[in-house]
N, C-alpha and C. Protein backbone atom coordinates (compact mmCIF):
# COMPACT_ATOMS: atom_id res chain seq x y z
N MET A 1 60.41 50.73 75.40
CA MET A 1 61.39 49.98 76.14
C MET A 1 62.32 49.32 75.15
N THR A 2 63.61 49.34 75.39
CA THR A 2 64.58 48.68 74.54
C THR A 2 64.89 47.32 75.12
N LEU A 3 64.78 46.31 74.28
CA LEU A 3 65.08 44.96 74.73
C LEU A 3 66.39 44.52 74.13
N SER A 4 67.22 43.88 74.91
CA SER A 4 68.51 43.40 74.46
C SER A 4 68.35 42.11 73.67
N SER A 5 69.30 41.84 72.80
CA SER A 5 69.28 40.59 72.06
C SER A 5 70.19 39.56 72.71
N GLY A 6 70.62 39.80 73.94
CA GLY A 6 71.49 38.87 74.64
C GLY A 6 70.78 37.57 74.97
N GLU A 7 71.55 36.59 75.44
CA GLU A 7 70.98 35.26 75.63
C GLU A 7 70.40 35.03 77.01
N ASN A 8 70.68 35.86 78.00
CA ASN A 8 70.09 35.63 79.31
C ASN A 8 69.74 36.95 79.97
N SER A 9 69.03 36.83 81.10
CA SER A 9 68.53 38.02 81.76
C SER A 9 69.64 38.85 82.38
N ALA A 10 70.82 38.30 82.52
CA ALA A 10 71.93 39.04 83.11
C ALA A 10 72.75 39.77 82.05
N ASP A 11 72.28 39.79 80.82
CA ASP A 11 72.97 40.48 79.71
C ASP A 11 73.23 41.92 80.12
N SER A 12 74.49 42.32 80.13
CA SER A 12 74.84 43.65 80.62
C SER A 12 74.38 44.77 79.70
N THR A 13 73.98 44.45 78.45
CA THR A 13 73.50 45.50 77.56
C THR A 13 72.02 45.79 77.76
N SER A 14 71.35 45.01 78.54
CA SER A 14 69.93 45.21 78.78
C SER A 14 69.71 46.26 79.85
N PRO A 15 68.86 47.27 79.58
CA PRO A 15 68.57 48.27 80.61
C PRO A 15 67.97 47.64 81.86
N LEU A 16 67.25 46.54 81.68
CA LEU A 16 66.63 45.88 82.84
C LEU A 16 67.68 45.27 83.76
N SER A 17 68.79 44.80 83.19
CA SER A 17 69.80 44.14 84.01
C SER A 17 70.46 45.10 84.98
N ARG A 18 70.38 46.39 84.71
CA ARG A 18 70.97 47.37 85.63
C ARG A 18 70.12 47.55 86.88
N LEU A 19 68.84 47.17 86.82
CA LEU A 19 67.97 47.29 87.98
C LEU A 19 68.24 46.19 88.98
N ALA A 20 68.26 44.96 88.52
CA ALA A 20 68.48 43.78 89.34
C ALA A 20 68.45 42.59 88.41
N PRO A 21 68.99 41.46 88.83
CA PRO A 21 68.88 40.27 87.97
C PRO A 21 67.40 39.91 87.82
N LEU A 22 66.91 40.03 86.62
CA LEU A 22 65.49 39.83 86.35
C LEU A 22 65.14 38.35 86.40
N GLU A 23 64.05 38.01 87.11
CA GLU A 23 63.62 36.63 87.21
C GLU A 23 62.23 36.39 86.68
N ALA A 24 61.41 37.42 86.61
CA ALA A 24 60.02 37.20 86.20
C ALA A 24 59.44 38.44 85.55
N ILE A 25 58.48 38.21 84.69
CA ILE A 25 57.72 39.28 84.05
C ILE A 25 56.25 39.04 84.38
N LEU A 26 55.59 40.07 84.89
CA LEU A 26 54.17 39.99 85.21
C LEU A 26 53.42 40.86 84.21
N PHE A 27 52.44 40.29 83.56
CA PHE A 27 51.68 40.99 82.54
C PHE A 27 50.26 41.25 83.02
N ASP A 28 49.83 42.49 82.97
CA ASP A 28 48.41 42.78 83.08
C ASP A 28 47.81 42.32 81.76
N VAL A 29 46.53 42.03 81.71
CA VAL A 29 45.92 41.49 80.50
C VAL A 29 45.22 42.58 79.70
N ASP A 30 44.14 43.15 80.25
CA ASP A 30 43.38 44.19 79.55
C ASP A 30 44.25 45.41 79.29
N GLY A 31 44.35 45.81 78.04
CA GLY A 31 45.09 47.02 77.71
C GLY A 31 46.59 46.82 77.59
N THR A 32 47.09 45.66 77.95
CA THR A 32 48.52 45.40 77.88
C THR A 32 48.82 44.32 76.85
N LEU A 33 48.16 43.18 76.95
CA LEU A 33 48.31 42.14 75.93
C LEU A 33 47.46 42.46 74.71
N CYS A 34 46.34 43.09 74.96
CA CYS A 34 45.40 43.43 73.89
C CYS A 34 44.60 44.66 74.32
N ASP A 35 44.00 45.33 73.35
CA ASP A 35 43.14 46.47 73.67
C ASP A 35 41.71 45.98 73.67
N SER A 36 41.22 45.63 74.83
CA SER A 36 39.87 45.07 74.95
C SER A 36 38.81 46.14 75.19
N ASP A 37 39.22 47.37 75.48
CA ASP A 37 38.25 48.42 75.78
C ASP A 37 37.20 48.62 74.69
N PRO A 38 37.57 48.64 73.40
CA PRO A 38 36.52 48.81 72.38
C PRO A 38 35.46 47.71 72.41
N ILE A 39 35.85 46.52 72.83
CA ILE A 39 34.89 45.41 72.89
C ILE A 39 33.98 45.58 74.10
N HIS A 40 34.55 45.98 75.24
CA HIS A 40 33.72 46.27 76.42
C HIS A 40 32.74 47.41 76.09
N TYR A 41 33.24 48.44 75.43
CA TYR A 41 32.40 49.57 75.05
C TYR A 41 31.24 49.11 74.17
N GLN A 42 31.52 48.28 73.18
CA GLN A 42 30.46 47.79 72.30
C GLN A 42 29.40 47.02 73.09
N ALA A 43 29.84 46.18 74.02
CA ALA A 43 28.88 45.41 74.83
C ALA A 43 28.00 46.34 75.66
N TYR A 44 28.60 47.33 76.31
CA TYR A 44 27.80 48.29 77.09
C TYR A 44 26.89 49.10 76.18
N GLN A 45 27.39 49.51 75.05
CA GLN A 45 26.58 50.33 74.14
C GLN A 45 25.34 49.57 73.66
N GLU A 46 25.48 48.27 73.46
CA GLU A 46 24.35 47.46 73.03
C GLU A 46 23.40 47.12 74.18
N MET A 47 23.94 46.90 75.37
CA MET A 47 23.12 46.40 76.47
C MET A 47 22.45 47.48 77.31
N LEU A 48 23.08 48.64 77.47
CA LEU A 48 22.51 49.67 78.34
C LEU A 48 21.16 50.19 77.85
N PRO A 49 20.94 50.36 76.54
CA PRO A 49 19.60 50.79 76.11
C PRO A 49 18.50 49.79 76.49
N GLU A 50 18.87 48.50 76.58
CA GLU A 50 17.90 47.47 76.94
C GLU A 50 17.37 47.64 78.36
N ILE A 51 18.16 48.28 79.24
CA ILE A 51 17.70 48.52 80.61
C ILE A 51 17.23 49.96 80.77
N ASP A 52 17.09 50.65 79.65
CA ASP A 52 16.63 52.04 79.59
C ASP A 52 17.58 53.01 80.30
N PHE A 53 18.85 52.63 80.39
CA PHE A 53 19.84 53.55 80.94
C PHE A 53 19.98 54.72 79.97
N ASN A 54 20.10 55.92 80.49
CA ASN A 54 20.23 57.13 79.68
C ASN A 54 19.02 57.31 78.76
N GLY A 55 17.86 56.89 79.26
CA GLY A 55 16.63 57.01 78.47
C GLY A 55 16.64 56.16 77.22
N GLY A 56 17.47 55.11 77.22
CA GLY A 56 17.54 54.23 76.06
C GLY A 56 18.48 54.70 74.97
N VAL A 57 19.11 55.85 75.18
CA VAL A 57 20.06 56.39 74.19
C VAL A 57 21.42 55.73 74.44
N PRO A 58 22.06 55.16 73.42
CA PRO A 58 23.37 54.54 73.62
C PRO A 58 24.40 55.52 74.19
N ILE A 59 25.26 55.02 75.03
CA ILE A 59 26.30 55.86 75.64
C ILE A 59 27.35 56.25 74.59
N THR A 60 28.04 57.34 74.87
CA THR A 60 29.12 57.80 74.00
C THR A 60 30.45 57.22 74.48
N GLU A 61 31.46 57.31 73.63
CA GLU A 61 32.80 56.88 74.03
C GLU A 61 33.31 57.71 75.20
N GLU A 62 32.98 58.99 75.20
CA GLU A 62 33.42 59.88 76.28
C GLU A 62 32.81 59.44 77.62
N PHE A 63 31.52 59.12 77.61
CA PHE A 63 30.86 58.65 78.82
C PHE A 63 31.51 57.35 79.29
N TYR A 64 31.72 56.44 78.35
CA TYR A 64 32.34 55.16 78.68
C TYR A 64 33.71 55.38 79.32
N ALA A 65 34.53 56.23 78.70
CA ALA A 65 35.88 56.47 79.21
C ALA A 65 35.86 57.09 80.61
N GLU A 66 34.92 57.99 80.86
CA GLU A 66 34.89 58.68 82.15
C GLU A 66 34.26 57.86 83.28
N PHE A 67 33.20 57.14 82.98
CA PHE A 67 32.43 56.51 84.06
C PHE A 67 32.50 54.99 84.11
N ILE A 68 32.97 54.33 83.06
CA ILE A 68 32.89 52.87 83.03
C ILE A 68 34.26 52.20 82.90
N SER A 69 35.06 52.65 81.98
CA SER A 69 36.33 51.98 81.67
C SER A 69 37.20 51.80 82.91
N GLY A 70 37.66 50.57 83.11
CA GLY A 70 38.56 50.27 84.22
C GLY A 70 37.89 50.03 85.56
N LYS A 71 36.59 50.19 85.63
CA LYS A 71 35.88 50.00 86.91
C LYS A 71 35.55 48.52 87.12
N HIS A 72 35.46 48.13 88.37
CA HIS A 72 35.10 46.76 88.74
C HIS A 72 33.61 46.53 88.54
N ASN A 73 33.24 45.30 88.25
CA ASN A 73 31.83 44.97 88.04
C ASN A 73 30.96 45.27 89.26
N GLU A 74 31.51 45.05 90.42
CA GLU A 74 30.76 45.34 91.66
C GLU A 74 30.36 46.82 91.69
N ASP A 75 31.30 47.68 91.34
CA ASP A 75 31.02 49.12 91.30
C ASP A 75 30.03 49.47 90.20
N MET A 76 30.16 48.80 89.05
CA MET A 76 29.25 49.08 87.93
C MET A 76 27.83 48.62 88.25
N ALA A 77 27.71 47.53 88.98
CA ALA A 77 26.39 47.04 89.38
C ALA A 77 25.68 48.11 90.21
N THR A 78 26.41 48.71 91.14
CA THR A 78 25.84 49.77 91.97
C THR A 78 25.58 51.03 91.16
N PHE A 79 26.44 51.35 90.22
CA PHE A 79 26.29 52.54 89.38
C PHE A 79 25.00 52.45 88.55
N PHE A 80 24.78 51.32 87.92
CA PHE A 80 23.60 51.17 87.05
C PHE A 80 22.32 50.85 87.81
N PHE A 81 22.44 50.16 88.94
CA PHE A 81 21.28 49.77 89.73
C PHE A 81 21.54 50.09 91.21
N PRO A 82 21.51 51.37 91.59
CA PRO A 82 21.89 51.76 92.95
C PRO A 82 21.02 51.14 94.05
N HIS A 83 19.78 50.78 93.72
CA HIS A 83 18.88 50.24 94.74
C HIS A 83 18.53 48.78 94.49
N GLU A 84 19.14 48.17 93.49
CA GLU A 84 18.86 46.76 93.15
C GLU A 84 20.18 46.07 92.84
N HIS A 85 20.96 45.84 93.88
CA HIS A 85 22.32 45.34 93.69
C HIS A 85 22.35 43.98 92.98
N GLN A 86 21.48 43.08 93.36
CA GLN A 86 21.47 41.76 92.71
C GLN A 86 21.16 41.87 91.22
N ARG A 87 20.25 42.75 90.88
CA ARG A 87 19.93 42.98 89.46
C ARG A 87 21.16 43.56 88.74
N GLY A 88 21.87 44.44 89.42
CA GLY A 88 23.09 45.00 88.85
C GLY A 88 24.15 43.95 88.62
N LEU A 89 24.31 43.04 89.57
CA LEU A 89 25.29 41.96 89.41
C LEU A 89 24.91 41.04 88.25
N LYS A 90 23.61 40.78 88.12
CA LYS A 90 23.13 39.95 87.00
C LYS A 90 23.43 40.65 85.68
N PHE A 91 23.19 41.95 85.63
CA PHE A 91 23.46 42.72 84.41
C PHE A 91 24.95 42.67 84.06
N THR A 92 25.82 42.88 85.04
CA THR A 92 27.26 42.89 84.73
C THR A 92 27.73 41.50 84.31
N ALA A 93 27.15 40.45 84.88
CA ALA A 93 27.50 39.09 84.46
C ALA A 93 27.08 38.86 83.01
N GLU A 94 25.90 39.34 82.64
CA GLU A 94 25.43 39.21 81.26
C GLU A 94 26.30 40.04 80.31
N LYS A 95 26.72 41.20 80.77
CA LYS A 95 27.60 42.05 79.95
C LYS A 95 28.94 41.35 79.71
N GLU A 96 29.48 40.71 80.75
CA GLU A 96 30.75 39.99 80.58
C GLU A 96 30.59 38.81 79.62
N ALA A 97 29.44 38.15 79.67
CA ALA A 97 29.18 37.05 78.72
C ALA A 97 29.14 37.59 77.29
N MET A 98 28.52 38.76 77.10
CA MET A 98 28.49 39.37 75.78
C MET A 98 29.91 39.76 75.34
N PHE A 99 30.68 40.30 76.26
CA PHE A 99 32.07 40.64 75.95
C PHE A 99 32.81 39.41 75.43
N ARG A 100 32.65 38.28 76.10
CA ARG A 100 33.36 37.06 75.68
C ARG A 100 32.90 36.60 74.29
N ARG A 101 31.61 36.72 74.01
CA ARG A 101 31.12 36.35 72.67
C ARG A 101 31.75 37.25 71.60
N LEU A 102 31.80 38.53 71.87
CA LEU A 102 32.37 39.48 70.91
C LEU A 102 33.89 39.33 70.79
N ALA A 103 34.54 39.10 71.91
CA ALA A 103 36.01 39.06 71.95
C ALA A 103 36.58 37.91 71.14
N LYS A 104 35.86 36.81 71.06
CA LYS A 104 36.39 35.64 70.34
C LYS A 104 36.83 36.00 68.93
N ASP A 105 36.09 36.88 68.27
CA ASP A 105 36.40 37.24 66.89
C ASP A 105 37.12 38.58 66.74
N LYS A 106 37.08 39.42 67.74
CA LYS A 106 37.58 40.79 67.59
C LYS A 106 38.91 41.08 68.27
N LEU A 107 39.32 40.23 69.17
CA LEU A 107 40.51 40.51 69.97
C LEU A 107 41.79 40.43 69.14
N LYS A 108 42.62 41.44 69.27
CA LYS A 108 43.90 41.50 68.54
C LYS A 108 45.02 41.82 69.54
N PRO A 109 46.21 41.26 69.33
CA PRO A 109 47.33 41.56 70.23
C PRO A 109 47.84 42.98 70.02
N VAL A 110 48.42 43.55 71.06
CA VAL A 110 49.06 44.86 70.90
C VAL A 110 50.32 44.67 70.06
N ASN A 111 50.73 45.73 69.38
CA ASN A 111 51.95 45.67 68.56
C ASN A 111 53.15 45.28 69.41
N GLY A 112 53.94 44.37 68.91
CA GLY A 112 55.17 43.96 69.59
C GLY A 112 55.00 42.86 70.61
N LEU A 113 53.77 42.40 70.84
CA LEU A 113 53.53 41.40 71.89
C LEU A 113 54.33 40.12 71.64
N TYR A 114 54.32 39.62 70.43
CA TYR A 114 54.98 38.34 70.16
C TYR A 114 56.50 38.47 70.16
N LYS A 115 57.03 39.64 69.84
CA LYS A 115 58.47 39.87 69.97
C LYS A 115 58.86 39.85 71.45
N LEU A 116 58.05 40.50 72.28
CA LEU A 116 58.31 40.50 73.72
C LEU A 116 58.18 39.08 74.28
N LYS A 117 57.19 38.35 73.83
CA LYS A 117 57.00 36.95 74.26
C LYS A 117 58.27 36.14 73.98
N LYS A 118 58.80 36.28 72.78
CA LYS A 118 60.02 35.54 72.40
C LYS A 118 61.19 35.97 73.28
N TRP A 119 61.31 37.27 73.54
CA TRP A 119 62.39 37.79 74.38
C TRP A 119 62.32 37.16 75.77
N VAL A 120 61.13 37.09 76.34
CA VAL A 120 60.93 36.51 77.67
C VAL A 120 61.28 35.02 77.64
N GLU A 121 60.79 34.31 76.63
CA GLU A 121 61.06 32.87 76.52
C GLU A 121 62.55 32.59 76.32
N ASP A 122 63.20 33.38 75.47
CA ASP A 122 64.63 33.19 75.20
C ASP A 122 65.47 33.31 76.46
N ARG A 123 65.00 34.08 77.42
CA ARG A 123 65.74 34.28 78.67
C ARG A 123 65.29 33.34 79.78
N GLY A 124 64.29 32.53 79.50
CA GLY A 124 63.81 31.58 80.51
C GLY A 124 63.20 32.23 81.73
N LEU A 125 62.63 33.42 81.55
CA LEU A 125 62.04 34.13 82.68
C LEU A 125 60.70 33.52 83.08
N LYS A 126 60.42 33.55 84.37
CA LYS A 126 59.10 33.15 84.84
C LYS A 126 58.12 34.21 84.38
N ARG A 127 56.86 33.82 84.20
CA ARG A 127 55.87 34.80 83.77
C ARG A 127 54.48 34.42 84.26
N ALA A 128 53.73 35.48 84.53
CA ALA A 128 52.36 35.30 85.00
C ALA A 128 51.50 36.41 84.42
N ALA A 129 50.23 36.08 84.24
CA ALA A 129 49.23 37.08 83.87
C ALA A 129 48.49 37.43 85.14
N VAL A 130 48.42 38.70 85.45
CA VAL A 130 47.73 39.16 86.65
C VAL A 130 46.76 40.26 86.24
N THR A 131 45.53 40.13 86.67
CA THR A 131 44.50 41.05 86.19
C THR A 131 43.36 41.15 87.17
N ASN A 132 42.59 42.23 87.06
CA ASN A 132 41.37 42.31 87.86
C ASN A 132 40.15 41.94 87.02
N ALA A 133 40.39 41.46 85.80
CA ALA A 133 39.29 41.01 84.95
C ALA A 133 38.72 39.70 85.50
N PRO A 134 37.45 39.42 85.23
CA PRO A 134 36.91 38.11 85.62
C PRO A 134 37.76 36.99 85.01
N ARG A 135 37.94 35.93 85.75
CA ARG A 135 38.81 34.83 85.31
C ARG A 135 38.43 34.31 83.92
N GLU A 136 37.13 34.14 83.65
CA GLU A 136 36.71 33.66 82.33
C GLU A 136 37.19 34.59 81.22
N ASN A 137 37.12 35.89 81.47
CA ASN A 137 37.59 36.87 80.48
C ASN A 137 39.09 36.74 80.27
N ALA A 138 39.84 36.66 81.37
CA ALA A 138 41.29 36.57 81.28
C ALA A 138 41.70 35.32 80.51
N GLU A 139 41.09 34.20 80.84
CA GLU A 139 41.43 32.95 80.16
C GLU A 139 41.08 33.01 78.68
N LEU A 140 39.94 33.62 78.36
CA LEU A 140 39.55 33.75 76.95
C LEU A 140 40.54 34.63 76.19
N MET A 141 40.90 35.77 76.77
CA MET A 141 41.83 36.68 76.09
C MET A 141 43.19 36.01 75.89
N ILE A 142 43.68 35.35 76.91
CA ILE A 142 44.98 34.68 76.81
C ILE A 142 44.93 33.59 75.75
N SER A 143 43.86 32.82 75.73
CA SER A 143 43.70 31.76 74.74
C SER A 143 43.57 32.33 73.33
N ALA A 144 42.74 33.36 73.16
CA ALA A 144 42.53 33.96 71.84
C ALA A 144 43.81 34.55 71.27
N LEU A 145 44.70 34.97 72.14
CA LEU A 145 45.98 35.54 71.71
C LEU A 145 47.06 34.47 71.52
N GLY A 146 46.70 33.20 71.78
CA GLY A 146 47.65 32.11 71.62
C GLY A 146 48.71 32.07 72.71
N LEU A 147 48.35 32.51 73.92
CA LEU A 147 49.32 32.60 75.01
C LEU A 147 49.05 31.63 76.16
N SER A 148 48.15 30.67 75.96
CA SER A 148 47.79 29.75 77.05
C SER A 148 49.00 29.00 77.59
N GLU A 149 49.90 28.57 76.73
CA GLU A 149 51.08 27.82 77.17
C GLU A 149 52.21 28.73 77.64
N PHE A 150 52.12 30.00 77.32
CA PHE A 150 53.17 30.95 77.67
C PHE A 150 53.19 31.26 79.16
N PHE A 151 52.01 31.45 79.75
CA PHE A 151 51.94 31.86 81.15
C PHE A 151 51.98 30.67 82.09
N GLU A 152 52.77 30.81 83.15
CA GLU A 152 52.86 29.78 84.16
C GLU A 152 51.70 29.88 85.15
N TYR A 153 51.13 31.06 85.25
CA TYR A 153 50.06 31.27 86.22
C TYR A 153 49.21 32.45 85.79
N VAL A 154 47.91 32.34 86.02
CA VAL A 154 46.98 33.43 85.76
C VAL A 154 46.28 33.73 87.07
N ASP A 155 46.36 34.98 87.53
CA ASP A 155 45.72 35.39 88.78
C ASP A 155 44.72 36.49 88.48
N SER A 156 43.45 36.17 88.59
CA SER A 156 42.45 37.21 88.39
C SER A 156 41.65 37.45 89.66
N ILE A 157 42.07 36.85 90.76
CA ILE A 157 41.31 37.01 92.00
C ILE A 157 41.74 38.28 92.72
N SER A 158 43.02 38.40 93.06
CA SER A 158 43.46 39.61 93.75
C SER A 158 43.68 40.75 92.77
N GLY A 159 44.15 40.44 91.59
CA GLY A 159 44.37 41.47 90.58
C GLY A 159 45.60 42.30 90.88
N ILE A 160 46.31 42.65 89.87
CA ILE A 160 47.55 43.40 90.04
C ILE A 160 47.30 44.79 90.61
N LYS A 161 46.20 45.43 90.21
CA LYS A 161 45.93 46.79 90.70
C LYS A 161 45.71 46.77 92.21
N ALA A 162 44.92 45.81 92.66
CA ALA A 162 44.66 45.70 94.10
C ALA A 162 45.93 45.30 94.83
N GLY A 163 46.72 44.41 94.24
CA GLY A 163 47.95 43.97 94.88
C GLY A 163 48.95 45.09 95.06
N VAL A 164 49.13 45.88 94.03
CA VAL A 164 50.07 47.00 94.12
C VAL A 164 49.56 48.02 95.13
N ALA A 165 48.27 48.32 95.07
CA ALA A 165 47.70 49.32 95.97
C ALA A 165 47.74 48.86 97.42
N ALA A 166 47.62 47.55 97.64
CA ALA A 166 47.53 47.04 99.00
C ALA A 166 48.90 46.92 99.66
N VAL A 167 49.66 45.92 99.30
CA VAL A 167 50.90 45.68 100.05
C VAL A 167 52.08 45.25 99.20
N MET A 168 51.89 44.95 97.94
CA MET A 168 52.97 44.36 97.17
C MET A 168 53.88 45.41 96.54
N PRO A 169 55.17 45.36 96.81
CA PRO A 169 56.08 46.26 96.13
C PRO A 169 56.27 45.82 94.69
N VAL A 170 56.63 46.74 93.81
CA VAL A 170 56.81 46.37 92.40
C VAL A 170 57.95 45.37 92.25
N VAL A 171 59.04 45.56 92.98
CA VAL A 171 60.09 44.54 92.98
C VAL A 171 59.73 43.54 94.06
N GLY A 172 59.59 42.29 93.69
CA GLY A 172 59.19 41.27 94.64
C GLY A 172 57.71 40.99 94.62
N LEU A 173 57.04 41.40 93.55
CA LEU A 173 55.61 41.09 93.44
C LEU A 173 55.39 39.59 93.42
N THR A 174 54.33 39.16 94.05
CA THR A 174 53.92 37.76 93.97
C THR A 174 52.50 37.74 93.44
N THR A 175 52.02 36.58 93.13
CA THR A 175 50.66 36.47 92.63
C THR A 175 49.65 36.65 93.74
N GLY A 176 50.06 36.58 94.98
CA GLY A 176 49.14 36.72 96.08
C GLY A 176 48.56 35.40 96.53
N SER A 177 48.91 34.32 95.88
CA SER A 177 48.40 33.01 96.23
C SER A 177 49.56 32.16 96.72
N LEU A 178 49.48 31.68 97.96
CA LEU A 178 50.58 30.89 98.51
C LEU A 178 50.78 29.59 97.73
N GLU A 179 49.69 29.03 97.19
CA GLU A 179 49.81 27.77 96.44
C GLU A 179 50.52 27.98 95.11
N HIS A 180 50.40 29.14 94.55
CA HIS A 180 50.96 29.41 93.22
C HIS A 180 51.95 30.57 93.28
N LEU A 181 52.74 30.59 94.31
CA LEU A 181 53.70 31.68 94.48
C LEU A 181 54.67 31.68 93.31
N LEU A 182 54.72 32.77 92.60
CA LEU A 182 55.61 32.86 91.45
C LEU A 182 57.05 33.07 91.90
N MET A 183 57.23 33.91 92.89
CA MET A 183 58.56 34.18 93.40
C MET A 183 58.43 34.70 94.82
N GLU A 184 59.51 34.65 95.54
CA GLU A 184 59.53 35.22 96.89
C GLU A 184 60.59 36.31 96.94
N ALA A 185 60.13 37.55 96.98
CA ALA A 185 61.01 38.72 97.10
C ALA A 185 62.15 38.70 96.09
N LYS A 186 61.84 38.33 94.88
CA LYS A 186 62.82 38.33 93.80
C LYS A 186 62.47 39.44 92.82
N PRO A 187 63.44 39.92 92.07
CA PRO A 187 63.16 40.98 91.10
C PRO A 187 62.18 40.54 90.02
N ALA A 188 61.23 41.40 89.73
CA ALA A 188 60.24 41.15 88.69
C ALA A 188 60.03 42.44 87.93
N PHE A 189 59.52 42.32 86.73
CA PHE A 189 59.20 43.47 85.91
C PHE A 189 57.72 43.41 85.61
N LEU A 190 57.02 44.50 85.85
CA LEU A 190 55.58 44.56 85.66
C LEU A 190 55.27 45.28 84.36
N ILE A 191 54.46 44.66 83.49
CA ILE A 191 54.04 45.28 82.24
C ILE A 191 52.55 45.54 82.35
N LYS A 192 52.17 46.82 82.36
CA LYS A 192 50.80 47.20 82.67
C LYS A 192 50.44 48.51 82.00
N ASP A 193 49.16 48.65 81.67
CA ASP A 193 48.66 49.93 81.16
C ASP A 193 48.23 50.80 82.33
N PHE A 194 48.28 52.11 82.17
CA PHE A 194 47.84 53.03 83.22
C PHE A 194 46.91 54.05 82.64
């Protein structure tokens, strides 16, 4: 994406300004602000042998990519413990706790993140972090990347993936929370991994 060096969002040299007057930027967290997948993979690789998954043999990156990456914890609980849902939920909660312990030291921003941050700030655009990650994970990642003061709102309850799939158009996205409505049917730009 080419970003203009103009002083406001209506800068006519910006490719975004041709879409609509930009008012907000919505950022997905996992895979967009940082690449957290290797940390999730490490947590699963260490924890799954403890429950004798795959006969105690650590999972491969290929297995992780095909069956685990991007899935919700509720689904993973059922995947690993199809007949013991509560045990599965306990396992996924413990896995998320391990992820947070590992992420504190290993999390790195994606290339260009801080340039984009400055571009957004220079234009005075509203911004929110929207994710389907557990709230504790989202807050940790945002904090570890030094972005706690950057975001006006963090929404990890509805999640951007669910919001887009359900009813929210890409232009006019809201956080899904009436108390913390970022915008009402105003142009927004979504930054997300797919």
